[in-house]
């Protein structure tokens, strides 16, 4: 299995807790760490904005990313949320085995031959 760390910024601790709870309950993530507040500066709609945000670091598998992203977009209040996934190139074997065991099995996609 290939693993990812997904970074998601949110406007407040309450949103971070809600996203964490849902991703863990649905086994789309094995672990979510919440850091904050963090100071964010970014370009948005022609201006430089400065805000206080919270950062969620989500541990998941590559095969779980699409479902995780879709779920976060449903829960996230931002118009364009930051959802960035970075691959885990290596890690402590027992930790990665634990991580894999906590994730929801992903059903293989069935492709139709209809055109």
PDB file of N, CA and C in Angstrom:
ATOM      1  N   UNK A   1       0.846  -1.186   0.000  1.00  0.00           N
ATOM      2  CA  UNK A   1       0.000   0.000   0.000  1.00  0.00           C
ATOM      3  C   UNK A   1       0.884   1.239   0.000  1.00  0.00           C
ATOM      4  N   UNK A   2       0.450   2.250  -0.726  1.00  0.00           N
ATOM      5  CA  UNK A   2       1.133   3.547  -0.724  1.00  0.00           C
ATOM      6  C   UNK A   2       0.408   4.467   0.252  1.00  0.00           C
ATOM      7  N   UNK A   3       1.176   5.266   0.969  1.00  0.00           N
ATOM      8  CA  UNK A   3       0.624   6.111   2.021  1.00  0.00           C
ATOM      9  C   UNK A   3       0.791   7.584   1.686  1.00  0.00           C
ATOM     10  N   UNK A   4      -0.100   8.399   2.262  1.00  0.00           N
ATOM     11  CA  UNK A   4      -0.076   9.848   2.068  1.00  0.00           C
ATOM     12  C   UNK A   4      -0.222  10.553   3.406  1.00  0.00           C
ATOM     13  N   UNK A   5       0.336  11.768   3.458  1.00  0.00           N
ATOM     14  CA  UNK A   5      -0.015  12.724   4.497  1.00  0.00           C
ATOM     15  C   UNK A   5      -0.755  13.841   3.771  1.00  0.00           C
ATOM     16  N   UNK A   6      -1.961  14.115   4.223  1.00  0.00           N
ATOM     17  CA  UNK A   6      -2.799  15.124   3.587  1.00  0.00           C
ATOM     18  C   UNK A   6      -2.897  16.325   4.527  1.00  0.00           C
ATOM     19  N   UNK A   7      -2.599  17.503   3.983  1.00  0.00           N
ATOM     20  CA  UNK A   7      -2.648  18.743   4.752  1.00  0.00           C
ATOM     21  C   UNK A   7      -3.923  19.496   4.385  1.00  0.00           C
ATOM     22  N   UNK A   8      -4.694  19.865   5.415  1.00  0.00           N
ATOM     23  CA  UNK A   8      -5.960  20.567   5.222  1.00  0.00           C
ATOM     24  C   UNK A   8      -5.989  21.734   6.206  1.00  0.00           C
ATOM     25  N   UNK A   9      -6.164  22.947   5.696  1.00  0.00           N
ATOM     26  CA  UNK A   9      -6.326  24.088   6.599  1.00  0.00           C
ATOM     27  C   UNK A   9      -7.807  24.410   6.732  1.00  0.00           C
ATOM     28  N   UNK A  10      -8.188  24.811   7.942  1.00  0.00           N
ATOM     29  CA  UNK A  10      -9.584  25.139   8.249  1.00  0.00           C
ATOM     30  C   UNK A  10      -9.617  26.420   9.073  1.00  0.00           C
ATOM     31  N   UNK A  11     -10.780  27.085   9.128  1.00  0.00           N
ATOM     32  CA  UNK A  11     -10.832  28.385   9.800  1.00  0.00           C
ATOM     33  C   UNK A  11     -10.836  28.340  11.323  1.00  0.00           C
ATOM     34  N   UNK A  12     -11.189  27.186  11.916  1.00  0.00           N
ATOM     35  CA  UNK A  12     -11.285  27.151  13.378  1.00  0.00           C
ATOM     36  C   UNK A  12     -11.139  25.724  13.908  1.00  0.00           C
ATOM     37  N   UNK A  13     -10.956  25.642  15.193  1.00  0.00           N
ATOM     38  CA  UNK A  13     -10.749  24.352  15.861  1.00  0.00           C
ATOM     39  C   UNK A  13     -11.980  23.455  15.736  1.00  0.00           C
ATOM     40  N   UNK A  14     -13.143  24.043  15.773  1.00  0.00           N
ATOM     41  CA  UNK A  14     -14.396  23.276  15.685  1.00  0.00           C
ATOM     42  C   UNK A  14     -14.492  22.549  14.336  1.00  0.00           C
ATOM     43  N   UNK A  15     -14.161  23.242  13.251  1.00  0.00           N
ATOM     44  CA  UNK A  15     -14.178  22.622  11.925  1.00  0.00           C
ATOM     45  C   UNK A  15     -13.131  21.518  11.855  1.00  0.00           C
ATOM     46  N   UNK A  16     -11.958  21.756  12.413  1.00  0.00           N
ATOM     47  CA  UNK A  16     -10.902  20.737  12.429  1.00  0.00           C
ATOM     48  C   UNK A  16     -11.381  19.494  13.172  1.00  0.00           C
ATOM     49  N   UNK A  17     -12.029  19.688  14.303  1.00  0.00           N
ATOM     50  CA  UNK A  17     -12.520  18.555  15.094  1.00  0.00           C
ATOM     51  C   UNK A  17     -13.589  17.782  14.331  1.00  0.00           C
ATOM     52  N   UNK A  18     -14.489  18.488  13.663  1.00  0.00           N
ATOM     53  CA  UNK A  18     -15.560  17.824  12.908  1.00  0.00           C
ATOM     54  C   UNK A  18     -14.992  16.996  11.766  1.00  0.00           C
ATOM     55  N   UNK A  19     -14.076  17.590  10.988  1.00  0.00           N
ATOM     56  CA  UNK A  19     -13.461  16.862   9.870  1.00  0.00           C
ATOM     57  C   UNK A  19     -12.685  15.655  10.392  1.00  0.00           C
ATOM     58  N   UNK A  20     -11.938  15.832  11.456  1.00  0.00           N
ATOM     59  CA  UNK A  20     -11.179  14.727  12.054  1.00  0.00           C
ATOM     60  C   UNK A  20     -12.108  13.598  12.470  1.00  0.00           C
ATOM     61  N   UNK A  21     -13.169  13.947  13.200  1.00  0.00           N
ATOM     62  CA  UNK A  21     -14.121  12.946  13.689  1.00  0.00           C
ATOM     63  C   UNK A  21     -14.714  12.132  12.539  1.00  0.00           C
ATOM     64  N   UNK A  22     -15.153  12.818  11.487  1.00  0.00           N
ATOM     65  CA  UNK A  22     -15.793  12.135  10.362  1.00  0.00           C
ATOM     66  C   UNK A  22     -14.802  11.239   9.624  1.00  0.00           C
ATOM     67  N   UNK A  23     -13.616  11.757   9.319  1.00  0.00           N
ATOM     68  CA  UNK A  23     -12.628  10.954   8.588  1.00  0.00           C
ATOM     69  C   UNK A  23     -12.225   9.708   9.375  1.00  0.00           C
ATOM     70  N   UNK A  24     -12.100   9.835  10.687  1.00  0.00           N
ATOM     71  CA  UNK A  24     -11.756   8.683  11.512  1.00  0.00           C
ATOM     72  C   UNK A  24     -12.932   7.711  11.624  1.00  0.00           C
ATOM     73  N   UNK A  25     -14.134   8.222  11.833  1.00  0.00           N
ATOM     74  CA  UNK A  25     -15.314   7.360  11.964  1.00  0.00           C
ATOM     75  C   UNK A  25     -15.559   6.552  10.693  1.00  0.00           C
ATOM     76  N   UNK A  26     -15.282   7.168   9.547  1.00  0.00           N
ATOM     77  CA  UNK A  26     -15.505   6.503   8.263  1.00  0.00           C
ATOM     78  C   UNK A  26     -14.278   5.719   7.797  1.00  0.00           C
ATOM     79  N   UNK A  27     -13.235   5.668   8.605  1.00  0.00           N
ATOM     80  CA  UNK A  27     -11.984   4.965   8.293  1.00  0.00           C
ATOM     81  C   UNK A  27     -11.370   5.421   6.971  1.00  0.00           C
ATOM     82  N   UNK A  28     -11.515   6.717   6.672  1.00  0.00           N
ATOM     83  CA  UNK A  28     -10.823   7.313   5.520  1.00  0.00           C
ATOM     84  C   UNK A  28      -9.438   7.784   5.950  1.00  0.00           C
ATOM     85  N   UNK A  29      -9.228   7.846   7.261  1.00  0.00           N
ATOM     86  CA  UNK A  29      -7.944   8.239   7.848  1.00  0.00           C
ATOM     87  C   UNK A  29      -7.672   7.337   9.035  1.00  0.00           C
ATOM     88  N   UNK A  30      -6.396   7.052   9.271  1.00  0.00           N
ATOM     89  CA  UNK A  30      -6.005   6.272  10.444  1.00  0.00           C
ATOM     90  C   UNK A  30      -5.657   7.190  11.606  1.00  0.00           C
ATOM     91  N   UNK A  31      -5.239   8.410  11.283  1.00  0.00           N
ATOM     92  CA  UNK A  31      -4.800   9.362  12.294  1.00  0.00           C
ATOM     93  C   UNK A  31      -4.967  10.770  11.728  1.00  0.00           C
ATOM     94  N   UNK A  32      -5.403  11.690  12.569  1.00  0.00           N
ATOM     95  CA  UNK A  32      -5.468  13.100  12.189  1.00  0.00           C
ATOM     96  C   UNK A  32      -4.847  13.898  13.320  1.00  0.00           C
ATOM     97  N   UNK A  33      -3.840  14.691  12.991  1.00  0.00           N
ATOM     98  CA  UNK A  33      -3.238  15.591  13.965  1.00  0.00           C
ATOM     99  C   UNK A  33      -3.726  17.000  13.650  1.00  0.00           C
ATOM    100  N   UNK A  34      -4.072  17.745  14.685  1.00  0.00           N
ATOM    101  CA  UNK A  34      -4.561  19.111  14.511  1.00  0.00           C
ATOM    102  C   UNK A  34      -3.587  20.065  15.192  1.00  0.00           C
ATOM    103  N   UNK A  35      -3.076  21.000  14.428  1.00  0.00           N
ATOM    104  CA  UNK A  35      -2.142  21.998  14.929  1.00  0.00           C
ATOM    105  C   UNK A  35      -2.775  23.375  14.783  1.00  0.00           C
ATOM    106  N   UNK A  36      -2.518  24.226  15.753  1.00  0.00           N
ATOM    107  CA  UNK A  36      -3.013  25.572  15.583  1.00  0.00           C
ATOM    108  C   UNK A  36      -3.118  26.311  16.903  1.00  0.00           C
ATOM    109  N   UNK A  37      -3.408  27.556  16.732  1.00  0.00           N
ATOM    110  CA  UNK A  37      -3.618  28.216  15.446  1.00  0.00           C
ATOM    111  C   UNK A  37      -2.294  28.465  14.719  1.00  0.00           C
ATOM    112  N   UNK A  38      -2.398  28.558  13.410  1.00  0.00           N
ATOM    113  CA  UNK A  38      -1.257  28.908  12.571  1.00  0.00           C
ATOM    114  C   UNK A  38      -1.601  30.206  11.840  1.00  0.00           C
ATOM    115  N   UNK A  39      -0.590  31.008  11.575  1.00  0.00           N
ATOM    116  CA  UNK A  39      -0.782  32.261  10.829  1.00  0.00           C
ATOM    117  C   UNK A  39      -0.623  31.950   9.348  1.00  0.00           C
ATOM    118  N   UNK A  40      -1.640  32.268   8.573  1.00  0.00           N
ATOM    119  CA  UNK A  40      -1.609  32.025   7.128  1.00  0.00           C
ATOM    120  C   UNK A  40      -1.675  33.344   6.380  1.00  0.00           C
ATOM    121  N   UNK A  41      -0.870  33.460   5.343  1.00  0.00           N
ATOM    122  CA  UNK A  41      -0.907  34.611   4.430  1.00  0.00           C
ATOM    123  C   UNK A  41      -0.988  34.050   3.025  1.00  0.00           C
ATOM    124  N   UNK A  42      -1.900  34.592   2.218  1.00  0.00           N
ATOM    125  CA  UNK A  42      -2.142  34.007   0.900  1.00  0.00           C
ATOM    126  C   UNK A  42      -2.830  35.008  -0.014  1.00  0.00           C
ATOM    127  N   UNK A  43      -2.694  34.763  -1.303  1.00  0.00           N
ATOM    128  CA  UNK A  43      -3.408  35.551  -2.301  1.00  0.00           C
ATOM    129  C   UNK A  43      -4.826  35.008  -2.428  1.00  0.00           C
ATOM    130  N   UNK A  44      -5.824  35.904  -2.415  1.00  0.00           N
ATOM    131  CA  UNK A  44      -7.200  35.482  -2.615  1.00  0.00           C
ATOM    132  C   UNK A  44      -7.985  36.634  -3.231  1.00  0.00           C
ATOM    133  N   UNK A  45      -8.521  36.370  -4.415  1.00  0.00           N
ATOM    134  CA  UNK A  45      -9.353  37.331  -5.143  1.00  0.00           C
ATOM    135  C   UNK A  45      -8.672  38.683  -5.292  1.00  0.00           C
ATOM    136  N   UNK A  46      -7.397  38.650  -5.701  1.00  0.00           N
ATOM    137  CA  UNK A  46      -6.656  39.867  -6.003  1.00  0.00           C
ATOM    138  C   UNK A  46      -6.056  40.589  -4.819  1.00  0.00           C
ATOM    139  N   UNK A  47      -6.152  40.022  -3.645  1.00  0.00           N
ATOM    140  CA  UNK A  47      -5.613  40.658  -2.452  1.00  0.00           C
ATOM    141  C   UNK A  47      -4.749  39.675  -1.683  1.00  0.00           C
ATOM    142  N   UNK A  48      -3.874  40.210  -0.862  1.00  0.00           N
ATOM    143  CA  UNK A  48      -3.129  39.366   0.069  1.00  0.00           C
ATOM    144  C   UNK A  48      -3.920  39.344   1.372  1.00  0.00           C
ATOM    145  N   UNK A  49      -4.286  38.155   1.797  1.00  0.00           N
ATOM    146  CA  UNK A  49      -5.077  37.975   3.018  1.00  0.00           C
ATOM    147  C   UNK A  49      -4.189  37.421   4.127  1.00  0.00           C
ATOM    148  N   UNK A  50      -4.552  37.713   5.349  1.00  0.00           N
ATOM    149  CA  UNK A  50      -3.868  37.190   6.527  1.00  0.00           C
ATOM    150  C   UNK A  50      -4.958  36.648   7.446  1.00  0.00           C
ATOM    151  N   UNK A  51      -4.787  35.409   7.864  1.00  0.00           N
ATOM    152  CA  UNK A  51      -5.797  34.838   8.744  1.00  0.00           C
ATOM    153  C   UNK A  51      -5.187  33.844   9.720  1.00  0.00           C
ATOM    154  N   UNK A  52      -5.972  33.529  10.705  1.00  0.00           N
ATOM    155  CA  UNK A  52      -5.610  32.514  11.694  1.00  0.00           C
ATOM    156  C   UNK A  52      -6.363  31.250  11.300  1.00  0.00           C
ATOM    157  N   UNK A  53      -5.627  30.149  11.128  1.00  0.00           N
ATOM    158  CA  UNK A  53      -6.246  28.896  10.713  1.00  0.00           C
ATOM    159  C   UNK A  53      -5.730  27.754  11.576  1.00  0.00           C
ATOM    160  N   UNK A  54      -6.302  26.585  11.372  1.00  0.00           N
ATOM    161  CA  UNK A  54      -5.877  25.353  12.019  1.00  0.00           C
ATOM    162  C   UNK A  54      -5.463  24.400  10.915  1.00  0.00           C
ATOM    163  N   UNK A  55      -4.455  23.586  11.179  1.00  0.00           N
ATOM    164  CA  UNK A  55      -3.918  22.659  10.194  1.00  0.00           C
ATOM    165  C   UNK A  55      -4.186  21.224  10.627  1.00  0.00           C
ATOM    166  N   UNK A  56      -4.842  20.477   9.761  1.00  0.00           N
ATOM    167  CA  UNK A  56      -5.071  19.050   9.983  1.00  0.00           C
ATOM    168  C   UNK A  56      -4.059  18.281   9.135  1.00  0.00           C
ATOM    169  N   UNK A  57      -3.340  17.363   9.763  1.00  0.00           N
ATOM    170  CA  UNK A  57      -2.421  16.480   9.048  1.00  0.00           C
ATOM    171  C   UNK A  57      -3.031  15.086   9.130  1.00  0.00           C
ATOM    172  N   UNK A  58      -3.436  14.570   7.976  1.00  0.00           N
ATOM    173  CA  UNK A  58      -4.186  13.319   7.902  1.00  0.00           C
ATOM    174  C   UNK A  58      -3.302  12.213   7.348  1.00  0.00           C
ATOM    175  N   UNK A  59      -3.285  11.063   8.026  1.00  0.00           N
ATOM    176  CA  UNK A  59      -2.539   9.894   7.545  1.00  0.00           C
ATOM    177  C   UNK A  59      -3.525   8.958   6.870  1.00  0.00           C
ATOM    178  N   UNK A  60      -3.262   8.620   5.599  1.00  0.00           N
ATOM    179  CA  UNK A  60      -4.176   7.775   4.832  1.00  0.00           C
ATOM    180  C   UNK A  60      -3.407   7.024   3.757  1.00  0.00           C
ATOM    181  N   UNK A  61      -4.138   6.275   2.958  1.00  0.00           N
ATOM    182  CA  UNK A  61      -3.548   5.557   1.828  1.00  0.00           C
ATOM    183  C   UNK A  61      -3.882   6.256   0.523  1.00  0.00           C
ATOM    184  N   UNK A  62      -3.027   6.078  -0.455  1.00  0.00           N
ATOM    185  CA  UNK A  62      -3.249   6.717  -1.760  1.00  0.00           C
ATOM    186  C   UNK A  62      -4.608   6.335  -2.348  1.00  0.00           C
ATOM    187  N   UNK A  63      -4.993   5.076  -2.206  1.00  0.00           N
ATOM    188  CA  UNK A  63      -6.268   4.613  -2.762  1.00  0.00           C
ATOM    189  C   UNK A  63      -7.470   5.252  -2.061  1.00  0.00           C
ATOM    190  N   UNK A  64      -7.257   5.839  -0.903  1.00  0.00           N
ATOM    191  CA  UNK A  64      -8.344   6.470  -0.148  1.00  0.00           C
ATOM    192  C   UNK A  64      -8.477   7.968  -0.445  1.00  0.00           C
ATOM    193  N   UNK A  65      -7.535   8.517  -1.202  1.00  0.00           N
ATOM    194  CA  UNK A  65      -7.480   9.969  -1.359  1.00  0.00           C
ATOM    195  C   UNK A  65      -8.753  10.554  -1.973  1.00  0.00           C
ATOM    196  N   UNK A  66      -9.224  10.012  -3.083  1.00  0.00           N
ATOM    197  CA  UNK A  66     -10.391  10.620  -3.754  1.00  0.00           C
ATOM    198  C   UNK A  66     -11.607  10.697  -2.832  1.00  0.00           C
ATOM    199  N   UNK A  67     -11.897   9.620  -2.121  1.00  0.00           N
ATOM    200  CA  UNK A  67     -13.043   9.610  -1.206  1.00  0.00           C
ATOM    201  C   UNK A  67     -12.813  10.593  -0.053  1.00  0.00           C
ATOM    202  N   UNK A  68     -11.586  10.650   0.441  1.00  0.00           N
ATOM    203  CA  UNK A  68     -11.251  11.586   1.512  1.00  0.00           C
ATOM    204  C   UNK A  68     -11.451  13.025   1.037  1.00  0.00           C
ATOM    205  N   UNK A  69     -10.927  13.338  -0.143  1.00  0.00           N
ATOM    206  CA  UNK A  69     -11.074  14.697  -0.673  1.00  0.00           C
ATOM    207  C   UNK A  69     -12.545  15.066  -0.859  1.00  0.00           C
ATOM    208  N   UNK A  70     -13.309  14.148  -1.404  1.00  0.00           N
ATOM    209  CA  UNK A  70     -14.740  14.400  -1.628  1.00  0.00           C
ATOM    210  C   UNK A  70     -15.440  14.682  -0.295  1.00  0.00           C
ATOM    211  N   UNK A  71     -15.114  13.902   0.723  1.00  0.00           N
ATOM    212  CA  UNK A  71     -15.748  14.077   2.030  1.00  0.00           C
ATOM    213  C   UNK A  71     -15.333  15.397   2.668  1.00  0.00           C
ATOM    214  N   UNK A  72     -14.064  15.738   2.588  1.00  0.00           N
ATOM    215  CA  UNK A  72     -13.594  17.010   3.153  1.00  0.00           C
ATOM    216  C   UNK A  72     -14.294  18.175   2.456  1.00  0.00           C
ATOM    217  N   UNK A  73     -14.434  18.118   1.147  1.00  0.00           N
ATOM    218  CA  UNK A  73     -15.113  19.201   0.421  1.00  0.00           C
ATOM    219  C   UNK A  73     -16.560  19.351   0.881  1.00  0.00           C
ATOM    220  N   UNK A  74     -17.219  18.258   1.238  1.00  0.00           N
ATOM    221  CA  UNK A  74     -18.593  18.322   1.740  1.00  0.00           C
ATOM    222  C   UNK A  74     -18.655  19.019   3.103  1.00  0.00           C
ATOM    223  N   UNK A  75     -17.629  18.823   3.919  1.00  0.00           N
ATOM    224  CA  UNK A  75     -17.627  19.333   5.293  1.00  0.00           C
ATOM    225  C   UNK A  75     -16.985  20.710   5.443  1.00  0.00           C
ATOM    226  N   UNK A  76     -16.195  21.121   4.468  1.00  0.00           N
ATOM    227  CA  UNK A  76     -15.355  22.312   4.587  1.00  0.00           C
ATOM    228  C   UNK A  76     -16.119  23.581   4.226  1.00  0.00           C
ATOM    229  N   UNK A  77     -15.973  24.653   5.026  1.00  0.00           N
ATOM    230  CA  UNK A  77     -16.700  25.888   4.732  1.00  0.00           C
ATOM    231  C   UNK A  77     -16.074  26.766   3.641  1.00  0.00           C
ATOM    232  N   UNK A  78     -14.801  26.533   3.284  1.00  0.00           N
ATOM    233  CA  UNK A  78     -14.156  27.386   2.283  1.00  0.00           C
ATOM    234  C   UNK A  78     -14.639  27.051   0.875  1.00  0.00           C
ATOM    235  N   UNK A  79     -14.667  28.067   0.034  1.00  0.00           N
ATOM    236  CA  UNK A  79     -14.999  27.881  -1.380  1.00  0.00           C
ATOM    237  C   UNK A  79     -13.947  27.014  -2.069  1.00  0.00           C
ATOM    238  N   UNK A  80     -12.674  27.272  -1.767  1.00  0.00           N
ATOM    239  CA  UNK A  80     -11.555  26.505  -2.333  1.00  0.00           C
ATOM    240  C   UNK A  80     -10.647  26.089  -1.173  1.00  0.00           C
ATOM    241  N   UNK A  81     -10.945  24.952  -0.544  1.00  0.00           N
ATOM    242  CA  UNK A  81     -10.123  24.538   0.594  1.00  0.00           C
ATOM    243  C   UNK A  81      -8.755  24.018   0.172  1.00  0.00           C
ATOM    244  N   UNK A  82      -7.782  24.217   1.042  1.00  0.00           N
ATOM    245  CA  UNK A  82      -6.466  23.617   0.824  1.00  0.00           C
ATOM    246  C   UNK A  82      -6.555  22.149   1.222  1.00  0.00           C
ATOM    247  N   UNK A  83      -6.353  21.269   0.259  1.00  0.00           N
ATOM    248  CA  UNK A  83      -6.281  19.827   0.497  1.00  0.00           C
ATOM    249  C   UNK A  83      -5.097  19.367  -0.348  1.00  0.00           C
ATOM    250  N   UNK A  84      -3.960  19.161   0.299  1.00  0.00           N
ATOM    251  CA  UNK A  84      -2.720  18.831  -0.412  1.00  0.00           C
ATOM    252  C   UNK A  84      -2.182  17.516   0.138  1.00  0.00           C
ATOM    253  N   UNK A  85      -1.919  16.568  -0.758  1.00  0.00           N
ATOM    254  CA  UNK A  85      -1.406  15.264  -0.335  1.00  0.00           C
ATOM    255  C   UNK A  85       0.054  15.108  -0.737  1.00  0.00           C
ATOM    256  N   UNK A  86       0.843  14.646   0.220  1.00  0.00           N
ATOM    257  CA  UNK A  86       2.252  14.360  -0.031  1.00  0.00           C
ATOM    258  C   UNK A  86       2.498  12.877   0.198  1.00  0.00           C
ATOM    259  N   UNK A  87       3.250  12.234  -0.688  1.00  0.00           N
ATOM    260  CA  UNK A  87       3.516  10.808  -0.509  1.00  0.00           C
ATOM    261  C   UNK A  87       4.472  10.564   0.651  1.00  0.00           C
ATOM    262  N   UNK A  88       4.270   9.443   1.309  1.00  0.00           N
ATOM    263  CA  UNK A  88       5.185   8.995   2.352  1.00  0.00           C
ATOM    264  C   UNK A  88       6.153   8.042   1.660  1.00  0.00           C
ATOM    265  N   UNK A  89       7.409   8.423   1.576  1.00  0.00           N
ATOM    266  CA  UNK A  89       8.375   7.610   0.838  1.00  0.00           C
ATOM    267  C   UNK A  89       8.837   6.394   1.628  1.00  0.00           C
ATOM    268  N   UNK A  90       8.877   6.509   2.947  1.00  0.00           N
ATOM    269  CA  UNK A  90       9.268   5.388   3.795  1.00  0.00           C
ATOM    270  C   UNK A  90       8.790   5.681   5.205  1.00  0.00           C
ATOM    271  N   UNK A  91       8.809   4.663   6.048  1.00  0.00           N
ATOM    272  CA  UNK A  91       8.373   4.850   7.423  1.00  0.00           C
ATOM    273  C   UNK A  91       8.571   3.581   8.228  1.00  0.00           C
ATOM    274  N   UNK A  92       8.387   3.698   9.503  1.00  0.00           N
ATOM    275  CA  UNK A  92       8.512   2.571  10.416  1.00  0.00           C
ATOM    276  C   UNK A  92       7.478   1.518  10.026  1.00  0.00           C
ATOM    277  N   UNK A  93       7.929   0.327   9.704  1.00  0.00           N
ATOM    278  CA  UNK A  93       7.071  -0.725   9.135  1.00  0.00           C
ATOM    279  C   UNK A  93       5.844  -1.005   9.998  1.00  0.00           C
ATOM    280  N   UNK A  94       6.034  -1.146  11.302  1.00  0.00           N
ATOM    281  CA  UNK A  94       4.895  -1.462  12.166  1.00  0.00           C
ATOM    282  C   UNK A  94       3.862  -0.332  12.189  1.00  0.00           C
ATOM    283  N   UNK A  95       4.324   0.906  12.123  1.00  0.00           N
ATOM    284  CA  UNK A  95       3.388   2.035  12.070  1.00  0.00           C
ATOM    285  C   UNK A  95       2.584   1.993  10.773  1.00  0.00           C
ATOM    286  N   UNK A  96       3.259   1.753   9.665  1.00  0.00           N
ATOM    287  CA  UNK A  96       2.568   1.706   8.375  1.00  0.00           C
ATOM    288  C   UNK A  96       1.593   0.528   8.312  1.00  0.00           C
ATOM    289  N   UNK A  97       1.948  -0.593   8.925  1.00  0.00           N
ATOM    290  CA  UNK A  97       1.027  -1.734   8.977  1.00  0.00           C
ATOM    291  C   UNK A  97      -0.204  -1.390   9.807  1.00  0.00           C
ATOM    292  N   UNK A  98       0.009  -0.690  10.928  1.00  0.00           N
ATOM    293  CA  UNK A  98      -1.121  -0.242  11.737  1.00  0.00           C
ATOM    294  C   UNK A  98      -2.008   0.690  10.927  1.00  0.00           C
ATOM    295  N   UNK A  99      -1.377   1.654  10.237  1.00  0.00           N
ATOM    296  CA  UNK A  99      -2.113   2.617   9.427  1.00  0.00           C
ATOM    297  C   UNK A  99      -2.990   1.884   8.408  1.00  0.00           C
ATOM    298  N   UNK A 100      -2.420   0.946   7.688  1.00  0.00           N
ATOM    299  CA  UNK A 100      -3.167   0.193   6.673  1.00  0.00           C
ATOM    300  C   UNK A 100      -4.342  -0.552   7.303  1.00  0.00           C
ATOM    301  N   UNK A 101      -4.138  -1.110   8.486  1.00  0.00           N
ATOM    302  CA  UNK A 101      -5.193  -1.864   9.147  1.00  0.00           C
ATOM    303  C   UNK A 101      -6.357  -1.019   9.619  1.00  0.00           C
ATOM    304  N   UNK A 102      -6.153   0.282   9.787  1.00  0.00           N
ATOM    305  CA  UNK A 102      -7.206   1.174  10.266  1.00  0.00           C
ATOM    306  C   UNK A 102      -8.038   1.781   9.141  1.00  0.00           C
ATOM    307  N   UNK A 103      -7.586   1.630   7.911  1.00  0.00           N
ATOM    308  CA  UNK A 103      -8.296   2.239   6.786  1.00  0.00           C
ATOM    309  C   UNK A 103      -9.376   1.313   6.239  1.00  0.00           C
ATOM    310  N   UNK A 104     -10.449   1.927   5.765  1.00  0.00           N
ATOM    311  CA  UNK A 104     -11.558   1.194   5.168  1.00  0.00           C
ATOM    312  C   UNK A 104     -11.082   0.505   3.899  1.00  0.00           C
ATOM    313  N   UNK A 105     -11.433  -0.768   3.708  1.00  0.00           N
ATOM    314  CA  UNK A 105     -11.048  -1.417   2.448  1.00  0.00           C
ATOM    315  C   UNK A 105     -11.636  -0.659   1.251  1.00  0.00           C
ATOM    316  N   UNK A 106     -10.841  -0.548   0.210  1.00  0.00           N
ATOM    317  CA  UNK A 106     -11.290   0.144  -1.003  1.00  0.00           C
ATOM    318  C   UNK A 106     -11.703  -0.913  -2.018  1.00  0.00           C
ATOM    319  N   UNK A 107     -12.941  -0.787  -2.500  1.00  0.00           N
ATOM    320  CA  UNK A 107     -13.426  -1.735  -3.497  1.00  0.00           C
ATOM    321  C   UNK A 107     -12.795  -1.419  -4.843  1.00  0.00           C
ATOM    322  N   UNK A 108     -12.365  -2.456  -5.569  1.00  0.00           N
ATOM    323  CA  UNK A 108     -11.810  -2.198  -6.905  1.00  0.00           C
ATOM    324  C   UNK A 108     -12.886  -1.628  -7.812  1.00  0.00           C
ATOM    325  N   UNK A 109     -12.490  -0.722  -8.673  1.00  0.00           N
ATOM    326  CA  UNK A 109     -13.421  -0.105  -9.606  1.00  0.00           C
ATOM    327  C   UNK A 109     -13.690  -1.057 -10.762  1.00  0.00           C
ATOM    328  N   UNK A 110     -14.944  -1.229 -11.108  1.00  0.00           N
ATOM    329  CA  UNK A 110     -15.338  -2.072 -12.228  1.00  0.00           C
ATOM    330  C   UNK A 110     -15.494  -1.165 -13.434  1.00  0.00           C
ATOM    331  N   UNK A 111     -14.797  -1.520 -14.485  1.00  0.00           N
ATOM    332  CA  UNK A 111     -14.875  -0.715 -15.711  1.00  0.00           C
ATOM    333  C   UNK A 111     -15.868  -1.334 -16.669  1.00  0.00           C
ATOM    334  N   UNK A 112     -16.652  -0.497 -17.250  1.00  0.00           N
ATOM    335  CA  UNK A 112     -17.630  -0.959 -18.231  1.00  0.00           C
ATOM    336  C   UNK A 112     -17.023  -0.943 -19.622  1.00  0.00           C
ATOM    337  N   UNK A 113     -17.366  -1.940 -20.425  1.00  0.00           N
ATOM    338  CA  UNK A 113     -16.882  -1.984 -21.800  1.00  0.00           C
ATOM    339  C   UNK A 113     -17.827  -1.271 -22.751  1.00  0.00           C
ATOM    340  N   UNK A 114     -18.876  -0.714 -22.195  1.00  0.00           N
ATOM    341  CA  UNK A 114     -19.839   0.018 -23.038  1.00  0.00           C
ATOM    342  C   UNK A 114     -19.239   1.341 -23.454  1.00  0.00           C
ATOM    343  N   UNK A 115     -19.507   1.735 -24.666  1.00  0.00           N
ATOM    344  CA  UNK A 115     -18.956   2.982 -25.166  1.00  0.00           C
ATOM    345  C   UNK A 115     -19.961   3.947 -25.390  1.00  0.00           C
TER     346      UNK A 115
END
